[in-house]
PDB file of N, CA and C in Angstrom:
ATOM      1  N   MET A   1      -6.949 -19.752  23.928  1.00  0.00           N
ATOM      2  CA  MET A   1      -7.021 -18.908  22.600  1.00  0.00           C
ATOM      3  C   MET A   1      -5.512 -18.674  22.259  1.00  0.00           C
ATOM      4  N   THR A   2      -5.158 -18.972  21.053  1.00  0.00           N
ATOM      5  CA  THR A   2      -3.803 -18.720  20.564  1.00  0.00           C
ATOM      6  C   THR A   2      -3.794 -17.480  19.641  1.00  0.00           C
ATOM      7  N   ASP A   3      -3.089 -16.477  19.765  1.00  0.00           N
ATOM      8  CA  ASP A   3      -3.114 -15.373  18.892  1.00  0.00           C
ATOM      9  C   ASP A   3      -2.018 -15.730  17.880  1.00  0.00           C
ATOM     10  N   GLN A   4      -2.501 -15.550  16.485  1.00  0.00           N
ATOM     11  CA  GLN A   4      -1.695 -15.671  15.349  1.00  0.00           C
ATOM     12  C   GLN A   4      -0.814 -14.387  15.173  1.00  0.00           C
ATOM     13  N   ILE A   5       0.466 -14.633  15.091  1.00  0.00           N
ATOM     14  CA  ILE A   5       1.399 -13.575  14.950  1.00  0.00           C
ATOM     15  C   ILE A   5       1.992 -13.668  13.518  1.00  0.00           C
ATOM     16  N   LEU A   6       1.941 -12.628  12.842  1.00  0.00           N
ATOM     17  CA  LEU A   6       2.261 -12.587  11.346  1.00  0.00           C
ATOM     18  C   LEU A   6       3.708 -11.778  11.231  1.00  0.00           C
ATOM     19  N   THR A   7       4.570 -12.175  10.376  1.00  0.00           N
ATOM     20  CA  THR A   7       5.663 -11.533   9.972  1.00  0.00           C
ATOM     21  C   THR A   7       5.351 -10.513   8.932  1.00  0.00           C
ATOM     22  N   ILE A   8       6.258  -9.667   8.613  1.00  0.00           N
ATOM     23  CA  ILE A   8       5.920  -8.649   7.514  1.00  0.00           C
ATOM     24  C   ILE A   8       5.568  -9.382   6.138  1.00  0.00           C
ATOM     25  N   LYS A   9       6.320 -10.499   5.904  1.00  0.00           N
ATOM     26  CA  LYS A   9       6.108 -11.156   4.646  1.00  0.00           C
ATOM     27  C   LYS A   9       4.809 -11.967   4.718  1.00  0.00           C
ATOM     28  N   GLU A  10       4.275 -12.385   5.879  1.00  0.00           N
ATOM     29  CA  GLU A  10       3.124 -13.165   6.035  1.00  0.00           C
ATOM     30  C   GLU A  10       1.803 -12.114   6.063  1.00  0.00           C
ATOM     31  N   LEU A  11       2.160 -10.843   6.630  1.00  0.00           N
ATOM     32  CA  LEU A  11       1.067  -9.909   6.421  1.00  0.00           C
ATOM     33  C   LEU A  11       0.951  -9.481   5.119  1.00  0.00           C
ATOM     34  N   ALA A  12       2.028  -9.264   4.330  1.00  0.00           N
ATOM     35  CA  ALA A  12       1.870  -8.655   3.001  1.00  0.00           C
ATOM     36  C   ALA A  12       1.122  -9.747   2.072  1.00  0.00           C
ATOM     37  N   ALA A  13       1.340 -11.048   2.311  1.00  0.00           N
ATOM     38  CA  ALA A  13       0.706 -12.044   1.574  1.00  0.00           C
ATOM     39  C   ALA A  13      -0.768 -12.157   2.008  1.00  0.00           C
ATOM     40  N   TYR A  14      -1.100 -11.880   3.406  1.00  0.00           N
ATOM     41  CA  TYR A  14      -2.417 -11.858   3.867  1.00  0.00           C
ATOM     42  C   TYR A  14      -3.267 -10.743   3.231  1.00  0.00           C
ATOM     43  N   LEU A  15      -2.650  -9.458   3.109  1.00  0.00           N
ATOM     44  CA  LEU A  15      -3.273  -8.324   2.637  1.00  0.00           C
ATOM     45  C   LEU A  15      -3.171  -8.212   1.098  1.00  0.00           C
ATOM     46  N   LYS A  16      -2.339  -9.143   0.569  1.00  0.00           N
ATOM     47  CA  LYS A  16      -2.155  -9.156  -0.997  1.00  0.00           C
ATOM     48  C   LYS A  16      -1.472  -7.673  -1.296  1.00  0.00           C
ATOM     49  N   LEU A  17      -0.410  -7.493  -0.588  1.00  0.00           N
ATOM     50  CA  LEU A  17       0.375  -6.251  -0.915  1.00  0.00           C
ATOM     51  C   LEU A  17       1.889  -6.666  -1.106  1.00  0.00           C
ATOM     52  N   ALA A  18       2.607  -5.753  -1.678  1.00  0.00           N
ATOM     53  CA  ALA A  18       3.908  -5.940  -1.898  1.00  0.00           C
ATOM     54  C   ALA A  18       4.641  -5.763  -0.416  1.00  0.00           C
ATOM     55  N   GLU A  19       5.692  -6.636  -0.131  1.00  0.00           N
ATOM     56  CA  GLU A  19       6.204  -6.474   1.293  1.00  0.00           C
ATOM     57  C   GLU A  19       6.789  -5.047   1.476  1.00  0.00           C
ATOM     58  N   LYS A  20       7.282  -4.449   0.503  1.00  0.00           N
ATOM     59  CA  LYS A  20       7.735  -3.033   0.679  1.00  0.00           C
ATOM     60  C   LYS A  20       6.653  -2.021   1.160  1.00  0.00           C
ATOM     61  N   THR A  21       5.392  -2.386   0.500  1.00  0.00           N
ATOM     62  CA  THR A  21       4.273  -1.509   0.757  1.00  0.00           C
ATOM     63  C   THR A  21       3.794  -1.806   2.292  1.00  0.00           C
ATOM     64  N   ALA A  22       3.721  -3.082   2.670  1.00  0.00           N
ATOM     65  CA  ALA A  22       3.411  -3.472   4.038  1.00  0.00           C
ATOM     66  C   ALA A  22       4.443  -2.723   5.071  1.00  0.00           C
ATOM     67  N   TYR A  23       5.707  -2.944   4.753  1.00  0.00           N
ATOM     68  CA  TYR A  23       6.623  -2.276   5.655  1.00  0.00           C
ATOM     69  C   TYR A  23       6.534  -0.761   5.804  1.00  0.00           C
ATOM     70  N   LYS A  24       6.180  -0.030   4.548  1.00  0.00           N
ATOM     71  CA  LYS A  24       6.058   1.397   4.719  1.00  0.00           C
ATOM     72  C   LYS A  24       4.881   1.698   5.439  1.00  0.00           C
ATOM     73  N   LEU A  25       3.618   1.131   5.198  1.00  0.00           N
ATOM     74  CA  LEU A  25       2.479   1.283   6.083  1.00  0.00           C
ATOM     75  C   LEU A  25       2.749   1.044   7.539  1.00  0.00           C
ATOM     76  N   ALA A  26       3.357   0.057   7.869  1.00  0.00           N
ATOM     77  CA  ALA A  26       3.681  -0.230   9.346  1.00  0.00           C
ATOM     78  C   ALA A  26       4.634   0.892   9.787  1.00  0.00           C
ATOM     79  N   ALA A  27       5.593   1.214   9.153  1.00  0.00           N
ATOM     80  CA  ALA A  27       6.643   2.226   9.638  1.00  0.00           C
ATOM     81  C   ALA A  27       5.986   3.589   9.821  1.00  0.00           C
ATOM     82  N   GLU A  28       4.944   3.866   8.927  1.00  0.00           N
ATOM     83  CA  GLU A  28       4.206   5.104   9.114  1.00  0.00           C
ATOM     84  C   GLU A  28       3.079   4.997  10.113  1.00  0.00           C
ATOM     85  N   GLY A  29       2.988   4.009  10.781  1.00  0.00           N
ATOM     86  CA  GLY A  29       1.907   3.790  11.910  1.00  0.00           C
ATOM     87  C   GLY A  29       0.578   3.510  11.259  1.00  0.00           C
ATOM     88  N   LYS A  30       0.467   3.214  10.034  1.00  0.00           N
ATOM     89  CA  LYS A  30      -0.988   3.002   9.398  1.00  0.00           C
ATOM     90  C   LYS A  30      -1.466   1.659   9.577  1.00  0.00           C
ATOM     91  N   LEU A  31      -0.673   0.700   9.976  1.00  0.00           N
ATOM     92  CA  LEU A  31      -1.077  -0.659  10.272  1.00  0.00           C
ATOM     93  C   LEU A  31      -0.633  -1.025  11.820  1.00  0.00           C
ATOM     94  N   PRO A  32      -1.603  -1.662  12.478  1.00  0.00           N
ATOM     95  CA  PRO A  32      -1.278  -1.978  13.836  1.00  0.00           C
ATOM     96  C   PRO A  32      -0.192  -3.088  13.910  1.00  0.00           C
ATOM     97  N   GLY A  33       1.039  -2.822  14.435  1.00  0.00           N
ATOM     98  CA  GLY A  33       1.996  -3.703  14.550  1.00  0.00           C
ATOM     99  C   GLY A  33       2.929  -3.271  15.608  1.00  0.00           C
ATOM    100  N   PHE A  34       3.904  -4.176  15.802  1.00  0.00           N
ATOM    101  CA  PHE A  34       4.991  -3.890  16.916  1.00  0.00           C
ATOM    102  C   PHE A  34       6.315  -4.546  16.455  1.00  0.00           C
ATOM    103  N   LYS A  35       7.277  -4.035  16.949  1.00  0.00           N
ATOM    104  CA  LYS A  35       8.685  -4.516  16.591  1.00  0.00           C
ATOM    105  C   LYS A  35       9.218  -5.518  17.687  1.00  0.00           C
ATOM    106  N   VAL A  36       9.822  -6.537  17.196  1.00  0.00           N
ATOM    107  CA  VAL A  36      10.490  -7.480  18.218  1.00  0.00           C
ATOM    108  C   VAL A  36      11.889  -7.586  17.500  1.00  0.00           C
ATOM    109  N   GLY A  37      13.002  -7.102  18.328  1.00  0.00           N
ATOM    110  CA  GLY A  37      14.288  -7.185  17.893  1.00  0.00           C
ATOM    111  C   GLY A  37      14.570  -6.455  16.485  1.00  0.00           C
ATOM    112  N   GLY A  38      13.800  -5.445  16.204  1.00  0.00           N
ATOM    113  CA  GLY A  38      13.917  -4.766  14.936  1.00  0.00           C
ATOM    114  C   GLY A  38      13.197  -5.188  13.892  1.00  0.00           C
ATOM    115  N   SER A  39      12.347  -6.332  14.085  1.00  0.00           N
ATOM    116  CA  SER A  39      11.477  -6.940  13.033  1.00  0.00           C
ATOM    117  C   SER A  39      10.029  -6.680  13.441  1.00  0.00           C
ATOM    118  N   TRP A  40       9.262  -6.392  12.295  1.00  0.00           N
ATOM    119  CA  TRP A  40       7.772  -6.100  12.557  1.00  0.00           C
ATOM    120  C   TRP A  40       7.131  -7.389  12.704  1.00  0.00           C
ATOM    121  N   ARG A  41       6.169  -7.333  13.753  1.00  0.00           N
ATOM    122  CA  ARG A  41       5.163  -8.511  13.961  1.00  0.00           C
ATOM    123  C   ARG A  41       3.760  -7.873  13.976  1.00  0.00           C
ATOM    124  N   PHE A  42       2.759  -8.569  13.660  1.00  0.00           N
ATOM    125  CA  PHE A  42       1.385  -8.221  13.598  1.00  0.00           C
ATOM    126  C   PHE A  42       0.501  -9.333  14.266  1.00  0.00           C
ATOM    127  N   LYS A  43      -0.370  -8.978  15.071  1.00  0.00           N
ATOM    128  CA  LYS A  43      -1.414  -9.861  15.518  1.00  0.00           C
ATOM    129  C   LYS A  43      -2.545  -9.966  14.431  1.00  0.00           C
ATOM    130  N   GLN A  44      -2.889 -11.164  13.996  1.00  0.00           N
ATOM    131  CA  GLN A  44      -3.842 -11.257  12.960  1.00  0.00           C
ATOM    132  C   GLN A  44      -5.149 -10.768  13.475  1.00  0.00           C
ATOM    133  N   GLU A  45      -5.515 -10.882  14.643  1.00  0.00           N
ATOM    134  CA  GLU A  45      -6.660 -10.288  15.270  1.00  0.00           C
ATOM    135  C   GLU A  45      -6.715  -8.765  15.062  1.00  0.00           C
ATOM    136  N   ASP A  46      -5.570  -8.123  15.253  1.00  0.00           N
ATOM    137  CA  ASP A  46      -5.503  -6.665  15.231  1.00  0.00           C
ATOM    138  C   ASP A  46      -5.752  -6.231  13.705  1.00  0.00           C
ATOM    139  N   ILE A  47      -5.057  -6.974  12.818  1.00  0.00           N
ATOM    140  CA  ILE A  47      -5.219  -6.738  11.448  1.00  0.00           C
ATOM    141  C   ILE A  47      -6.576  -6.984  10.914  1.00  0.00           C
ATOM    142  N   ASP A  48      -7.314  -7.964  11.365  1.00  0.00           N
ATOM    143  CA  ASP A  48      -8.779  -8.251  10.968  1.00  0.00           C
ATOM    144  C   ASP A  48      -9.627  -7.069  11.438  1.00  0.00           C
ATOM    145  N   HIS A  49      -9.270  -6.652  12.683  1.00  0.00           N
ATOM    146  CA  HIS A  49     -10.129  -5.418  13.228  1.00  0.00           C
ATOM    147  C   HIS A  49      -9.759  -4.190  12.407  1.00  0.00           C
ATOM    148  N   TRP A  50      -8.506  -4.037  12.042  1.00  0.00           N
ATOM    149  CA  TRP A  50      -8.075  -2.788  11.138  1.00  0.00           C
ATOM    150  C   TRP A  50      -8.882  -2.848   9.915  1.00  0.00           C
ATOM    151  N   ILE A  51      -9.088  -4.074   9.351  1.00  0.00           N
ATOM    152  CA  ILE A  51      -9.688  -4.256   8.018  1.00  0.00           C
ATOM    153  C   ILE A  51     -11.145  -3.813   8.194  1.00  0.00           C
ATOM    154  N   GLU A  52     -11.756  -4.283   9.174  1.00  0.00           N
ATOM    155  CA  GLU A  52     -13.251  -4.005   9.483  1.00  0.00           C
ATOM    156  C   GLU A  52     -13.354  -2.364   9.600  1.00  0.00           C
ATOM    157  N   GLU A  53     -12.479  -1.724  10.411  1.00  0.00           N
ATOM    158  CA  GLU A  53     -12.573  -0.323  10.452  1.00  0.00           C
ATOM    159  C   GLU A  53     -12.511   0.420   9.083  1.00  0.00           C
ATOM    160  N   ARG A  54     -11.494  -0.071   8.419  1.00  0.00           N
ATOM    161  CA  ARG A  54     -11.338   0.618   7.162  1.00  0.00           C
ATOM    162  C   ARG A  54     -12.649   0.356   6.262  1.00  0.00           C
ATOM    163  N   LYS A  55     -13.308  -0.734   6.260  1.00  0.00           N
ATOM    164  CA  LYS A  55     -14.595  -0.959   5.656  1.00  0.00           C
ATOM    165  C   LYS A  55     -15.621  -0.067   6.116  1.00  0.00           C
ATOM    166  N   SER A  56     -15.642   0.165   7.341  1.00  0.00           N
ATOM    167  CA  SER A  56     -16.849   1.005   7.955  1.00  0.00           C
ATOM    168  C   SER A  56     -16.519   2.437   7.490  1.00  0.00           C
ATOM    169  N   VAL A  57     -15.274   2.985   7.517  1.00  0.00           N
ATOM    170  CA  VAL A  57     -14.926   4.343   7.105  1.00  0.00           C
ATOM    171  C   VAL A  57     -15.258   4.482   5.662  1.00  0.00           C
ATOM    172  N   GLU A  58     -14.938   3.462   4.887  1.00  0.00           N
ATOM    173  CA  GLU A  58     -15.276   3.568   3.381  1.00  0.00           C
ATOM    174  C   GLU A  58     -16.716   3.684   3.070  1.00  0.00           C
ATOM    175  N   LYS A  59     -17.532   2.947   3.865  1.00  0.00           N
ATOM    176  CA  LYS A  59     -18.931   3.082   3.650  1.00  0.00           C
ATOM    177  C   LYS A  59     -19.550   4.428   4.094  1.00  0.00           C
ATOM    178  N   ARG A  60     -18.957   5.052   5.144  1.00  0.00           N
ATOM    179  CA  ARG A  60     -19.370   6.342   5.628  1.00  0.00           C
ATOM    180  C   ARG A  60     -18.957   7.385   4.631  1.00  0.00           C
ATOM    181  N   THR A  61     -17.888   7.254   3.895  1.00  0.00           N
ATOM    182  CA  THR A  61     -17.467   8.343   2.992  1.00  0.00           C
ATOM    183  C   THR A  61     -18.159   8.350   1.697  1.00  0.00           C
ATOM    184  N   ARG A  62     -18.938   7.218   1.348  1.00  0.00           N
ATOM    185  CA  ARG A  62     -19.645   7.104   0.130  1.00  0.00           C
ATOM    186  C   ARG A  62     -20.770   7.999   0.047  1.00  0.00           C
TER     187      ARG A  62
END
């Protein structure tokens, strides 16, 4: 199994966000990511799980 690792630019494209917004969310701890040498990295599996959690929270608040 190979884990897909995304850069901030790739993450922004994946989530259809501006890079600045993706960086802000990561810096605030709102996206599951980690830094390597000062640059943000994200496991696609973690991002997909984060998306599913957000969908579940949205359904419960309706």
